Amino acid sequence: MGCGRVGSALAKDLAADGHQVTVVDSSRAAFDRLGAGFPGRMVLGNGTDQHVLEESGAAETDWFISVTNGDNRNIMSAQVAQEIFQIPRVMTRIYDPIREQVYREMGLYTYCPTLVGA
């Protein structure tokens, strides 16, 4: 979830490696970052919404990655992916190091760029 610089680059790399990729973003313009030849699916909507994640095929996926620019959206979508859809591997970017530790303890794979750069 999230088709900014990081999300679009990740989606393109995974698709190039042969993975089936679905990108969810609330901005239609964000999908322009993927380019015309992107082989994956694009779902327009709020990735914290259970129905949007259903439409994206969350029930059949084995990875969910949230990399929007908002910790709350990332955390909420990751929890929906983990708890409702039982996705086996859920990774989320968290900018706040305190939150990052809490969500790591809850079993989420977390990445905190503010800690990596410190």
PDB file of N, CA and C in Angstrom:
ATOM      1  N   MET A   1       0.850  -1.165   0.000  1.00  0.00           N
ATOM      2  CA  MET A   1       0.000   0.000   0.000  1.00  0.00           C
ATOM      3  C   MET A   1       0.893   1.225   0.000  1.00  0.00           C
ATOM      4  N   GLY A   2       0.564   2.154  -0.904  1.00  0.00           N
ATOM      5  CA  GLY A   2       1.345   3.368  -1.044  1.00  0.00           C
ATOM      6  C   GLY A   2       2.142   3.333  -2.332  1.00  0.00           C
ATOM      7  N   CYS A   3       1.925   4.322  -3.169  1.00  0.00           N
ATOM      8  CA  CYS A   3       2.599   4.363  -4.464  1.00  0.00           C
ATOM      9  C   CYS A   3       3.409   5.646  -4.601  1.00  0.00           C
ATOM     10  N   GLY A   4       4.097   5.995  -3.525  1.00  0.00           N
ATOM     11  CA  GLY A   4       5.020   7.124  -3.577  1.00  0.00           C
ATOM     12  C   GLY A   4       6.342   6.653  -4.161  1.00  0.00           C
ATOM     13  N   ARG A   5       7.421   7.355  -3.838  1.00  0.00           N
ATOM     14  CA  ARG A   5       8.735   6.967  -4.374  1.00  0.00           C
ATOM     15  C   ARG A   5       9.119   5.554  -3.958  1.00  0.00           C
ATOM     16  N   VAL A   6       9.005   5.252  -2.681  1.00  0.00           N
ATOM     17  CA  VAL A   6       9.413   3.938  -2.181  1.00  0.00           C
ATOM     18  C   VAL A   6       8.464   2.852  -2.665  1.00  0.00           C
ATOM     19  N   GLY A   7       7.171   3.073  -2.519  1.00  0.00           N
ATOM     20  CA  GLY A   7       6.191   2.062  -2.910  1.00  0.00           C
ATOM     21  C   GLY A   7       6.233   1.733  -4.385  1.00  0.00           C
ATOM     22  N   SER A   8       6.361   2.750  -5.232  1.00  0.00           N
ATOM     23  CA  SER A   8       6.399   2.496  -6.673  1.00  0.00           C
ATOM     24  C   SER A   8       7.685   1.781  -7.071  1.00  0.00           C
ATOM     25  N   ALA A   9       8.816   2.172  -6.489  1.00  0.00           N
ATOM     26  CA  ALA A   9      10.083   1.501  -6.796  1.00  0.00           C
ATOM     27  C   ALA A   9      10.036   0.042  -6.352  1.00  0.00           C
ATOM     28  N   LEU A  10       9.502  -0.195  -5.175  1.00  0.00           N
ATOM     29  CA  LEU A  10       9.376  -1.558  -4.664  1.00  0.00           C
ATOM     30  C   LEU A  10       8.456  -2.392  -5.547  1.00  0.00           C
ATOM     31  N   ALA A  11       7.327  -1.828  -5.944  1.00  0.00           N
ATOM     32  CA  ALA A  11       6.376  -2.543  -6.803  1.00  0.00           C
ATOM     33  C   ALA A  11       7.010  -2.903  -8.141  1.00  0.00           C
ATOM     34  N   LYS A  12       7.727  -1.965  -8.739  1.00  0.00           N
ATOM     35  CA  LYS A  12       8.371  -2.233 -10.030  1.00  0.00           C
ATOM     36  C   LYS A  12       9.451  -3.302  -9.899  1.00  0.00           C
ATOM     37  N   ASP A  13      10.241  -3.243  -8.829  1.00  0.00           N
ATOM     38  CA  ASP A  13      11.291  -4.246  -8.619  1.00  0.00           C
ATOM     39  C   ASP A  13      10.700  -5.635  -8.404  1.00  0.00           C
ATOM     40  N   LEU A  14       9.669  -5.728  -7.580  1.00  0.00           N
ATOM     41  CA  LEU A  14       9.042  -7.030  -7.327  1.00  0.00           C
ATOM     42  C   LEU A  14       8.411  -7.594  -8.594  1.00  0.00           C
ATOM     43  N   ALA A  15       7.751  -6.744  -9.364  1.00  0.00           N
ATOM     44  CA  ALA A  15       7.140  -7.191 -10.621  1.00  0.00           C
ATOM     45  C   ALA A  15       8.213  -7.650 -11.602  1.00  0.00           C
ATOM     46  N   ALA A  16       9.329  -6.928 -11.666  1.00  0.00           N
ATOM     47  CA  ALA A  16      10.430  -7.299 -12.562  1.00  0.00           C
ATOM     48  C   ALA A  16      11.037  -8.642 -12.168  1.00  0.00           C
ATOM     49  N   ASP A  17      10.960  -8.980 -10.879  1.00  0.00           N
ATOM     50  CA  ASP A  17      11.461 -10.271 -10.396  1.00  0.00           C
ATOM     51  C   ASP A  17      10.448 -11.392 -10.581  1.00  0.00           C
ATOM     52  N   GLY A  18       9.308 -11.088 -11.191  1.00  0.00           N
ATOM     53  CA  GLY A  18       8.320 -12.114 -11.498  1.00  0.00           C
ATOM     54  C   GLY A  18       7.207 -12.282 -10.485  1.00  0.00           C
ATOM     55  N   HIS A  19       7.148 -11.430  -9.493  1.00  0.00           N
ATOM     56  CA  HIS A  19       6.085 -11.518  -8.491  1.00  0.00           C
ATOM     57  C   HIS A  19       4.806 -10.867  -9.011  1.00  0.00           C
ATOM     58  N   GLN A  20       3.672 -11.387  -8.574  1.00  0.00           N
ATOM     59  CA  GLN A  20       2.393 -10.743  -8.870  1.00  0.00           C
ATOM     60  C   GLN A  20       2.215  -9.627  -7.848  1.00  0.00           C
ATOM     61  N   VAL A  21       2.037  -8.413  -8.338  1.00  0.00           N
ATOM     62  CA  VAL A  21       2.012  -7.240  -7.464  1.00  0.00           C
ATOM     63  C   VAL A  21       0.707  -6.481  -7.652  1.00  0.00           C
ATOM     64  N   THR A  22       0.103  -6.107  -6.531  1.00  0.00           N
ATOM     65  CA  THR A  22      -1.047  -5.209  -6.543  1.00  0.00           C
ATOM     66  C   THR A  22      -0.687  -4.001  -5.697  1.00  0.00           C
ATOM     67  N   VAL A  23      -0.899  -2.823  -6.242  1.00  0.00           N
ATOM     68  CA  VAL A  23      -0.591  -1.581  -5.538  1.00  0.00           C
ATOM     69  C   VAL A  23      -1.900  -0.878  -5.201  1.00  0.00           C
ATOM     70  N   VAL A  24      -2.035  -0.474  -3.942  1.00  0.00           N
ATOM     71  CA  VAL A  24      -3.214   0.266  -3.485  1.00  0.00           C
ATOM     72  C   VAL A  24      -2.769   1.683  -3.136  1.00  0.00           C
ATOM     73  N   ASP A  25      -3.481   2.669  -3.650  1.00  0.00           N
ATOM     74  CA  ASP A  25      -3.205   4.058  -3.292  1.00  0.00           C
ATOM     75  C   ASP A  25      -4.498   4.851  -3.426  1.00  0.00           C
ATOM     76  N   SER A  26      -4.608   5.918  -2.653  1.00  0.00           N
ATOM     77  CA  SER A  26      -5.821   6.740  -2.691  1.00  0.00           C
ATOM     78  C   SER A  26      -5.753   7.835  -3.753  1.00  0.00           C
ATOM     79  N   SER A  27      -4.624   7.946  -4.433  1.00  0.00           N
ATOM     80  CA  SER A  27      -4.455   8.968  -5.467  1.00  0.00           C
ATOM     81  C   SER A  27      -4.222   8.313  -6.829  1.00  0.00           C
ATOM     82  N   ARG A  28      -5.118   8.575  -7.758  1.00  0.00           N
ATOM     83  CA  ARG A  28      -4.965   8.023  -9.112  1.00  0.00           C
ATOM     84  C   ARG A  28      -3.644   8.487  -9.734  1.00  0.00           C
ATOM     85  N   ALA A  29      -3.259   9.729  -9.492  1.00  0.00           N
ATOM     86  CA  ALA A  29      -2.027  10.277 -10.065  1.00  0.00           C
ATOM     87  C   ALA A  29      -0.780   9.535  -9.576  1.00  0.00           C
ATOM     88  N   ALA A  30      -0.836   8.967  -8.387  1.00  0.00           N
ATOM     89  CA  ALA A  30       0.320   8.241  -7.848  1.00  0.00           C
ATOM     90  C   ALA A  30       0.697   7.054  -8.730  1.00  0.00           C
ATOM     91  N   PHE A  31      -0.286   6.453  -9.382  1.00  0.00           N
ATOM     92  CA  PHE A  31      -0.010   5.289 -10.229  1.00  0.00           C
ATOM     93  C   PHE A  31       0.843   5.645 -11.443  1.00  0.00           C
ATOM     94  N   ASP A  32       0.925   6.926 -11.789  1.00  0.00           N
ATOM     95  CA  ASP A  32       1.777   7.355 -12.902  1.00  0.00           C
ATOM     96  C   ASP A  32       3.236   6.984 -12.658  1.00  0.00           C
ATOM     97  N   ARG A  33       3.627   6.897 -11.394  1.00  0.00           N
ATOM     98  CA  ARG A  33       5.006   6.536 -11.057  1.00  0.00           C
ATOM     99  C   ARG A  33       5.363   5.117 -11.514  1.00  0.00           C
ATOM    100  N   LEU A  34       4.365   4.278 -11.712  1.00  0.00           N
ATOM    101  CA  LEU A  34       4.620   2.888 -12.099  1.00  0.00           C
ATOM    102  C   LEU A  34       4.963   2.751 -13.581  1.00  0.00           C
ATOM    103  N   GLY A  35       4.572   3.707 -14.377  1.00  0.00           N
ATOM    104  CA  GLY A  35       4.840   3.647 -15.810  1.00  0.00           C
ATOM    105  C   GLY A  35       3.792   2.835 -16.550  1.00  0.00           C
ATOM    106  N   ALA A  36       3.722   3.069 -17.841  1.00  0.00           N
ATOM    107  CA  ALA A  36       2.691   2.441 -18.679  1.00  0.00           C
ATOM    108  C   ALA A  36       2.849   0.930 -18.777  1.00  0.00           C
ATOM    109  N   GLY A  37       4.054   0.421 -18.652  1.00  0.00           N
ATOM    110  CA  GLY A  37       4.278  -1.015 -18.819  1.00  0.00           C
ATOM    111  C   GLY A  37       4.181  -1.834 -17.543  1.00  0.00           C
ATOM    112  N   PHE A  38       3.722  -1.234 -16.458  1.00  0.00           N
ATOM    113  CA  PHE A  38       3.644  -1.976 -15.193  1.00  0.00           C
ATOM    114  C   PHE A  38       2.682  -3.149 -15.337  1.00  0.00           C
ATOM    115  N   PRO A  39       3.153  -4.376 -15.063  1.00  0.00           N
ATOM    116  CA  PRO A  39       2.317  -5.556 -15.283  1.00  0.00           C
ATOM    117  C   PRO A  39       1.347  -5.889 -14.149  1.00  0.00           C
ATOM    118  N   GLY A  40       1.449  -5.196 -13.028  1.00  0.00           N
ATOM    119  CA  GLY A  40       0.613  -5.522 -11.875  1.00  0.00           C
ATOM    120  C   GLY A  40      -0.732  -4.829 -11.899  1.00  0.00           C
ATOM    121  N   ARG A  41      -1.481  -5.048 -10.816  1.00  0.00           N
ATOM    122  CA  ARG A  41      -2.796  -4.415 -10.646  1.00  0.00           C
ATOM    123  C   ARG A  41      -2.653  -3.136  -9.849  1.00  0.00           C
ATOM    124  N   MET A  42      -3.540  -2.201 -10.126  1.00  0.00           N
ATOM    125  CA  MET A  42      -3.606  -0.954  -9.380  1.00  0.00           C
ATOM    126  C   MET A  42      -5.026  -0.816  -8.841  1.00  0.00           C
ATOM    127  N   VAL A  43      -5.144  -0.612  -7.542  1.00  0.00           N
ATOM    128  CA  VAL A  43      -6.452  -0.470  -6.908  1.00  0.00           C
ATOM    129  C   VAL A  43      -6.513   0.911  -6.269  1.00  0.00           C
ATOM    130  N   LEU A  44      -7.482   1.694  -6.706  1.00  0.00           N
ATOM    131  CA  LEU A  44      -7.666   3.039  -6.179  1.00  0.00           C
ATOM    132  C   LEU A  44      -8.537   2.968  -4.936  1.00  0.00           C
ATOM    133  N   GLY A  45      -8.019   3.452  -3.816  1.00  0.00           N
ATOM    134  CA  GLY A  45      -8.808   3.453  -2.591  1.00  0.00           C
ATOM    135  C   GLY A  45      -7.933   3.586  -1.361  1.00  0.00           C
ATOM    136  N   ASN A  46      -8.581   3.670  -0.230  1.00  0.00           N
ATOM    137  CA  ASN A  46      -7.923   3.803   1.056  1.00  0.00           C
ATOM    138  C   ASN A  46      -7.541   2.412   1.559  1.00  0.00           C
ATOM    139  N   GLY A  47      -6.262   2.158   1.680  1.00  0.00           N
ATOM    140  CA  GLY A  47      -5.776   0.843   2.089  1.00  0.00           C
ATOM    141  C   GLY A  47      -6.054   0.475   3.531  1.00  0.00           C
ATOM    142  N   THR A  48      -6.644   1.385   4.307  1.00  0.00           N
ATOM    143  CA  THR A  48      -7.066   1.010   5.656  1.00  0.00           C
ATOM    144  C   THR A  48      -8.487   0.460   5.641  1.00  0.00           C
ATOM    145  N   ASP A  49      -9.149   0.546   4.505  1.00  0.00           N
ATOM    146  CA  ASP A  49     -10.531   0.088   4.347  1.00  0.00           C
ATOM    147  C   ASP A  49     -10.548  -1.399   3.993  1.00  0.00           C
ATOM    148  N   GLN A  50     -11.219  -2.179   4.801  1.00  0.00           N
ATOM    149  CA  GLN A  50     -11.275  -3.627   4.601  1.00  0.00           C
ATOM    150  C   GLN A  50     -11.791  -3.986   3.207  1.00  0.00           C
ATOM    151  N   HIS A  51     -12.775  -3.263   2.707  1.00  0.00           N
ATOM    152  CA  HIS A  51     -13.353  -3.572   1.396  1.00  0.00           C
ATOM    153  C   HIS A  51     -12.359  -3.301   0.271  1.00  0.00           C
ATOM    154  N   VAL A  52     -11.562  -2.264   0.414  1.00  0.00           N
ATOM    155  CA  VAL A  52     -10.536  -1.966  -0.589  1.00  0.00           C
ATOM    156  C   VAL A  52      -9.489  -3.077  -0.590  1.00  0.00           C
ATOM    157  N   LEU A  53      -9.095  -3.530   0.583  1.00  0.00           N
ATOM    158  CA  LEU A  53      -8.117  -4.616   0.650  1.00  0.00           C
ATOM    159  C   LEU A  53      -8.700  -5.916   0.103  1.00  0.00           C
ATOM    160  N   GLU A  54      -9.984  -6.154   0.338  1.00  0.00           N
ATOM    161  CA  GLU A  54     -10.643  -7.319  -0.275  1.00  0.00           C
ATOM    162  C   GLU A  54     -10.553  -7.238  -1.787  1.00  0.00           C
ATOM    163  N   GLU A  55     -10.890  -6.082  -2.342  1.00  0.00           N
ATOM    164  CA  GLU A  55     -10.841  -5.876  -3.787  1.00  0.00           C
ATOM    165  C   GLU A  55      -9.427  -6.088  -4.330  1.00  0.00           C
ATOM    166  N   SER A  56      -8.432  -5.763  -3.529  1.00  0.00           N
ATOM    167  CA  SER A  56      -7.046  -5.895  -3.976  1.00  0.00           C
ATOM    168  C   SER A  56      -6.558  -7.340  -3.956  1.00  0.00           C
ATOM    169  N   GLY A  57      -7.337  -8.237  -3.367  1.00  0.00           N
ATOM    170  CA  GLY A  57      -6.943  -9.643  -3.308  1.00  0.00           C
ATOM    171  C   GLY A  57      -6.181 -10.004  -2.048  1.00  0.00           C
ATOM    172  N   ALA A  58      -6.349  -9.223  -0.996  1.00  0.00           N
ATOM    173  CA  ALA A  58      -5.602  -9.453   0.242  1.00  0.00           C
ATOM    174  C   ALA A  58      -5.805 -10.852   0.812  1.00  0.00           C
ATOM    175  N   ALA A  59      -6.959 -11.434   0.598  1.00  0.00           N
ATOM    176  CA  ALA A  59      -7.234 -12.766   1.154  1.00  0.00           C
ATOM    177  C   ALA A  59      -6.371 -13.847   0.514  1.00  0.00           C
ATOM    178  N   GLU A  60      -5.807 -13.565  -0.657  1.00  0.00           N
ATOM    179  CA  GLU A  60      -5.011 -14.567  -1.363  1.00  0.00           C
ATOM    180  C   GLU A  60      -3.527 -14.220  -1.425  1.00  0.00           C
ATOM    181  N   THR A  61      -3.094 -13.232  -0.690  1.00  0.00           N
ATOM    182  CA  THR A  61      -1.693 -12.814  -0.798  1.00  0.00           C
ATOM    183  C   THR A  61      -0.856 -13.386   0.337  1.00  0.00           C
ATOM    184  N   ASP A  62       0.448 -13.432   0.125  1.00  0.00           N
ATOM    185  CA  ASP A  62       1.319 -13.922   1.191  1.00  0.00           C
ATOM    186  C   ASP A  62       2.248 -12.831   1.735  1.00  0.00           C
ATOM    187  N   TRP A  63       2.174 -11.623   1.167  1.00  0.00           N
ATOM    188  CA  TRP A  63       2.936 -10.485   1.674  1.00  0.00           C
ATOM    189  C   TRP A  63       2.075  -9.233   1.603  1.00  0.00           C
ATOM    190  N   PHE A  64       2.196  -8.373   2.585  1.00  0.00           N
ATOM    191  CA  PHE A  64       1.554  -7.059   2.558  1.00  0.00           C
ATOM    192  C   PHE A  64       2.580  -6.055   3.052  1.00  0.00           C
ATOM    193  N   ILE A  65       2.799  -5.003   2.279  1.00  0.00           N
ATOM    194  CA  ILE A  65       3.775  -3.975   2.648  1.00  0.00           C
ATOM    195  C   ILE A  65       3.089  -2.614   2.585  1.00  0.00           C
ATOM    196  N   SER A  66       3.155  -1.866   3.676  1.00  0.00           N
ATOM    197  CA  SER A  66       2.565  -0.522   3.677  1.00  0.00           C
ATOM    198  C   SER A  66       3.676   0.512   3.833  1.00  0.00           C
ATOM    199  N   VAL A  67       3.737   1.403   2.838  1.00  0.00           N
ATOM    200  CA  VAL A  67       4.784   2.427   2.830  1.00  0.00           C
ATOM    201  C   VAL A  67       4.215   3.793   2.440  1.00  0.00           C
ATOM    202  N   THR A  68       3.094   4.172   3.057  1.00  0.00           N
ATOM    203  CA  THR A  68       2.578   5.521   2.826  1.00  0.00           C
ATOM    204  C   THR A  68       3.427   6.487   3.650  1.00  0.00           C
ATOM    205  N   ASN A  69       3.128   7.769   3.561  1.00  0.00           N
ATOM    206  CA  ASN A  69       3.896   8.739   4.344  1.00  0.00           C
ATOM    207  C   ASN A  69       3.300   8.975   5.729  1.00  0.00           C
ATOM    208  N   GLY A  70       2.324   8.162   6.135  1.00  0.00           N
ATOM    209  CA  GLY A  70       1.702   8.346   7.444  1.00  0.00           C
ATOM    210  C   GLY A  70       1.774   7.106   8.318  1.00  0.00           C
ATOM    211  N   ASP A  71       2.355   7.241   9.491  1.00  0.00           N
ATOM    212  CA  ASP A  71       2.454   6.113  10.421  1.00  0.00           C
ATOM    213  C   ASP A  71       1.095   5.507  10.738  1.00  0.00           C
ATOM    214  N   ASN A  72       0.092   6.355  10.998  1.00  0.00           N
ATOM    215  CA  ASN A  72      -1.221   5.830  11.383  1.00  0.00           C
ATOM    216  C   ASN A  72      -1.836   4.984  10.279  1.00  0.00           C
ATOM    217  N   ARG A  73      -1.751   5.451   9.030  1.00  0.00           N
ATOM    218  CA  ARG A  73      -2.277   4.665   7.902  1.00  0.00           C
ATOM    219  C   ARG A  73      -1.512   3.359   7.757  1.00  0.00           C
ATOM    220  N   ASN A  74      -0.195   3.428   7.887  1.00  0.00           N
ATOM    221  CA  ASN A  74       0.611   2.215   7.753  1.00  0.00           C
ATOM    222  C   ASN A  74       0.275   1.201   8.841  1.00  0.00           C
ATOM    223  N   ILE A  75       0.176   1.677  10.057  1.00  0.00           N
ATOM    224  CA  ILE A  75      -0.120   0.788  11.179  1.00  0.00           C
ATOM    225  C   ILE A  75      -1.510   0.177  11.030  1.00  0.00           C
ATOM    226  N   MET A  76      -2.485   1.018  10.728  1.00  0.00           N
ATOM    227  CA  MET A  76      -3.863   0.531  10.622  1.00  0.00           C
ATOM    228  C   MET A  76      -4.000  -0.499   9.497  1.00  0.00           C
ATOM    229  N   SER A  77      -3.442  -0.208   8.335  1.00  0.00           N
ATOM    230  CA  SER A  77      -3.553  -1.155   7.220  1.00  0.00           C
ATOM    231  C   SER A  77      -2.804  -2.444   7.530  1.00  0.00           C
ATOM    232  N   ALA A  78      -1.667  -2.342   8.193  1.00  0.00           N
ATOM    233  CA  ALA A  78      -0.906  -3.540   8.554  1.00  0.00           C
ATOM    234  C   ALA A  78      -1.687  -4.408   9.537  1.00  0.00           C
ATOM    235  N   GLN A  79      -2.358  -3.775  10.485  1.00  0.00           N
ATOM    236  CA  GLN A  79      -3.160  -4.542  11.439  1.00  0.00           C
ATOM    237  C   GLN A  79      -4.343  -5.222  10.750  1.00  0.00           C
ATOM    238  N   VAL A  80      -4.995  -4.530   9.825  1.00  0.00           N
ATOM    239  CA  VAL A  80      -6.099  -5.139   9.074  1.00  0.00           C
ATOM    240  C   VAL A  80      -5.575  -6.329   8.273  1.00  0.00           C
ATOM    241  N   ALA A  81      -4.431  -6.144   7.621  1.00  0.00           N
ATOM    242  CA  ALA A  81      -3.841  -7.225   6.824  1.00  0.00           C
ATOM    243  C   ALA A  81      -3.518  -8.436   7.693  1.00  0.00           C
ATOM    244  N   GLN A  82      -2.962  -8.186   8.863  1.00  0.00           N
ATOM    245  CA  GLN A  82      -2.547  -9.270   9.754  1.00  0.00           C
ATOM    246  C   GLN A  82      -3.731  -9.931  10.458  1.00  0.00           C
ATOM    247  N   GLU A  83      -4.616  -9.130  11.024  1.00  0.00           N
ATOM    248  CA  GLU A  83      -5.686  -9.673  11.862  1.00  0.00           C
ATOM    249  C   GLU A  83      -6.899 -10.159  11.073  1.00  0.00           C
ATOM    250  N   ILE A  84      -7.331  -9.410  10.083  1.00  0.00           N
ATOM    251  CA  ILE A  84      -8.544  -9.773   9.347  1.00  0.00           C
ATOM    252  C   ILE A  84      -8.243 -10.724   8.203  1.00  0.00           C
ATOM    253  N   PHE A  85      -7.176 -10.429   7.444  1.00  0.00           N
ATOM    254  CA  PHE A  85      -6.875 -11.248   6.268  1.00  0.00           C
ATOM    255  C   PHE A  85      -5.857 -12.350   6.542  1.00  0.00           C
ATOM    256  N   GLN A  86      -5.283 -12.348   7.737  1.00  0.00           N
ATOM    257  CA  GLN A  86      -4.336 -13.390   8.134  1.00  0.00           C
ATOM    258  C   GLN A  86      -3.176 -13.522   7.142  1.00  0.00           C
ATOM    259  N   ILE A  87      -2.721 -12.405   6.613  1.00  0.00           N
ATOM    260  CA  ILE A  87      -1.588 -12.421   5.686  1.00  0.00           C
ATOM    261  C   ILE A  87      -0.346 -12.809   6.487  1.00  0.00           C
ATOM    262  N   PRO A  88       0.387 -13.829   6.026  1.00  0.00           N
ATOM    263  CA  PRO A  88       1.482 -14.366   6.840  1.00  0.00           C
ATOM    264  C   PRO A  88       2.639 -13.399   7.096  1.00  0.00           C
ATOM    265  N   ARG A  89       2.949 -12.543   6.145  1.00  0.00           N
ATOM    266  CA  ARG A  89       4.065 -11.614   6.318  1.00  0.00           C
ATOM    267  C   ARG A  89       3.574 -10.197   6.026  1.00  0.00           C
ATOM    268  N   VAL A  90       3.645  -9.364   7.056  1.00  0.00           N
ATOM    269  CA  VAL A  90       3.185  -7.975   6.951  1.00  0.00           C
ATOM    270  C   VAL A  90       4.337  -7.072   7.373  1.00  0.00           C
ATOM    271  N   MET A  91       4.681  -6.141   6.502  1.00  0.00           N
ATOM    272  CA  MET A  91       5.764  -5.201   6.800  1.00  0.00           C
ATOM    273  C   MET A  91       5.229  -3.782   6.676  1.00  0.00           C
ATOM    274  N   THR A  92       5.646  -2.929   7.583  1.00  0.00           N
ATOM    275  CA  THR A  92       5.180  -1.546   7.552  1.00  0.00           C
ATOM    276  C   THR A  92       6.309  -0.588   7.901  1.00  0.00           C
ATOM    277  N   ARG A  93       6.286   0.546   7.234  1.00  0.00           N
ATOM    278  CA  ARG A  93       7.267   1.599   7.530  1.00  0.00           C
ATOM    279  C   ARG A  93       6.676   2.481   8.622  1.00  0.00           C
ATOM    280  N   ILE A  94       7.463   2.709   9.662  1.00  0.00           N
ATOM    281  CA  ILE A  94       7.054   3.539  10.788  1.00  0.00           C
ATOM    282  C   ILE A  94       8.156   4.569  11.034  1.00  0.00           C
ATOM    283  N   TYR A  95       7.809   5.843  10.984  1.00  0.00           N
ATOM    284  CA  TYR A  95       8.802   6.897  11.202  1.00  0.00           C
ATOM    285  C   TYR A  95       9.094   7.137  12.684  1.00  0.00           C
ATOM    286  N   ASP A  96       8.132   6.904  13.552  1.00  0.00           N
ATOM    287  CA  ASP A  96       8.286   7.150  14.989  1.00  0.00           C
ATOM    288  C   ASP A  96       8.952   5.935  15.641  1.00  0.00           C
ATOM    289  N   PRO A  97      10.182   6.083  16.166  1.00  0.00           N
ATOM    290  CA  PRO A  97      10.896   4.936  16.724  1.00  0.00           C
ATOM    291  C   PRO A  97      10.190   4.275  17.913  1.00  0.00           C
ATOM    292  N   ILE A  98       9.439   5.039  18.692  1.00  0.00           N
ATOM    293  CA  ILE A  98       8.726   4.442  19.832  1.00  0.00           C
ATOM    294  C   ILE A  98       7.615   3.532  19.323  1.00  0.00           C
ATOM    295  N   ARG A  99       6.846   4.015  18.373  1.00  0.00           N
ATOM    296  CA  ARG A  99       5.795   3.180  17.780  1.00  0.00           C
ATOM    297  C   ARG A  99       6.395   1.961  17.092  1.00  0.00           C
ATOM    298  N   GLU A 100       7.517   2.160  16.439  1.00  0.00           N
ATOM    299  CA  GLU A 100       8.151   1.062  15.709  1.00  0.00           C
ATOM    300  C   GLU A 100       8.413  -0.117  16.643  1.00  0.00           C
ATOM    301  N   GLN A 101       8.941   0.156  17.809  1.00  0.00           N
ATOM    302  CA  GLN A 101       9.246  -0.906  18.768  1.00  0.00           C
ATOM    303  C   GLN A 101       7.970  -1.610  19.230  1.00  0.00           C
ATOM    304  N   VAL A 102       6.925  -0.857  19.501  1.00  0.00           N
ATOM    305  CA  VAL A 102       5.654  -1.439  19.956  1.00  0.00           C
ATOM    306  C   VAL A 102       5.088  -2.379  18.898  1.00  0.00           C
ATOM    307  N   TYR A 103       5.083  -1.932  17.645  1.00  0.00           N
ATOM    308  CA  TYR A 103       4.494  -2.756  16.585  1.00  0.00           C
ATOM    309  C   TYR A 103       5.373  -3.936  16.218  1.00  0.00           C
ATOM    310  N   ARG A 104       6.660  -3.792  16.394  1.00  0.00           N
ATOM    311  CA  ARG A 104       7.557  -4.941  16.203  1.00  0.00           C
ATOM    312  C   ARG A 104       7.228  -6.018  17.240  1.00  0.00           C
ATOM    313  N   GLU A 105       6.983  -5.598  18.473  1.00  0.00           N
ATOM    314  CA  GLU A 105       6.635  -6.544  19.535  1.00  0.00           C
ATOM    315  C   GLU A 105       5.287  -7.216  19.280  1.00  0.00           C
ATOM    316  N   MET A 106       4.427  -6.582  18.477  1.00  0.00           N
ATOM    317  CA  MET A 106       3.130  -7.171  18.125  1.00  0.00           C
ATOM    318  C   MET A 106       3.253  -8.174  16.979  1.00  0.00           C
ATOM    319  N   GLY A 107       4.462  -8.356  16.459  1.00  0.00           N
ATOM    320  CA  GLY A 107       4.663  -9.339  15.413  1.00  0.00           C
ATOM    321  C   GLY A 107       4.701  -8.789  14.004  1.00  0.00           C
ATOM    322  N   LEU A 108       4.684  -7.465  13.855  1.00  0.00           N
ATOM    323  CA  LEU A 108       4.790  -6.874  12.524  1.00  0.00           C
ATOM    324  C   LEU A 108       6.262  -6.689  12.171  1.00  0.00           C
ATOM    325  N   TYR A 109       6.598  -6.940  10.921  1.00  0.00           N
ATOM    326  CA  TYR A 109       7.919  -6.550  10.441  1.00  0.00           C
ATOM    327  C   TYR A 109       7.855  -5.039  10.276  1.00  0.00           C
ATOM    328  N   THR A 110       8.769  -4.336  10.892  1.00  0.00           N
ATOM    329  CA  THR A 110       8.750  -2.883  10.798  1.00  0.00           C
ATOM    330  C   THR A 110      10.085  -2.380  10.272  1.00  0.00           C
ATOM    331  N   TYR A 111      10.019  -1.225   9.632  1.00  0.00           N
ATOM    332  CA  TYR A 111      11.213  -0.548   9.149  1.00  0.00           C
ATOM    333  C   TYR A 111      11.084   0.903   9.568  1.00  0.00           C
ATOM    334  N   CYS A 112      12.068   1.387  10.280  1.00  0.00           N
ATOM    335  CA  CYS A 112      12.036   2.762  10.776  1.00  0.00           C
ATOM    336  C   CYS A 112      13.218   3.525  10.180  1.00  0.00           C
ATOM    337  N   PRO A 113      12.983   4.301   9.110  1.00  0.00           N
ATOM    338  CA  PRO A 113      14.093   5.009   8.474  1.00  0.00           C
ATOM    339  C   PRO A 113      14.763   6.032   9.380  1.00  0.00           C
ATOM    340  N   THR A 114      14.056   6.533  10.385  1.00  0.00           N
ATOM    341  CA  THR A 114      14.677   7.496  11.291  1.00  0.00           C
ATOM    342  C   THR A 114      15.709   6.816  12.193  1.00  0.00           C
ATOM    343  N   LEU A 115      15.551   5.517  12.458  1.00  0.00           N
ATOM    344  CA  LEU A 115      16.551   4.779  13.231  1.00  0.00           C
ATOM    345  C   LEU A 115      17.716   4.355  12.351  1.00  0.00           C
ATOM    346  N   VAL A 116      17.413   3.978  11.119  1.00  0.00           N
ATOM    347  CA  VAL A 116      18.456   3.526  10.205  1.00  0.00           C
ATOM    348  C   VAL A 116      19.425   4.661   9.911  1.00  0.00           C
ATOM    349  N   GLY A 117      18.898   5.879   9.791  1.00  0.00           N
ATOM    350  CA  GLY A 117      19.730   7.033   9.471  1.00  0.00           C
ATOM    351  C   GLY A 117      20.432   7.634  10.675  1.00  0.00           C
ATOM    352  N   ALA A 118      20.116   7.159  11.866  1.00  0.00           N
ATOM    353  CA  ALA A 118      20.683   7.753  13.083  1.00  0.00           C
ATOM    354  C   ALA A 118      22.106   7.308  13.324  1.00  0.00           C
TER     355      ALA A 118
END
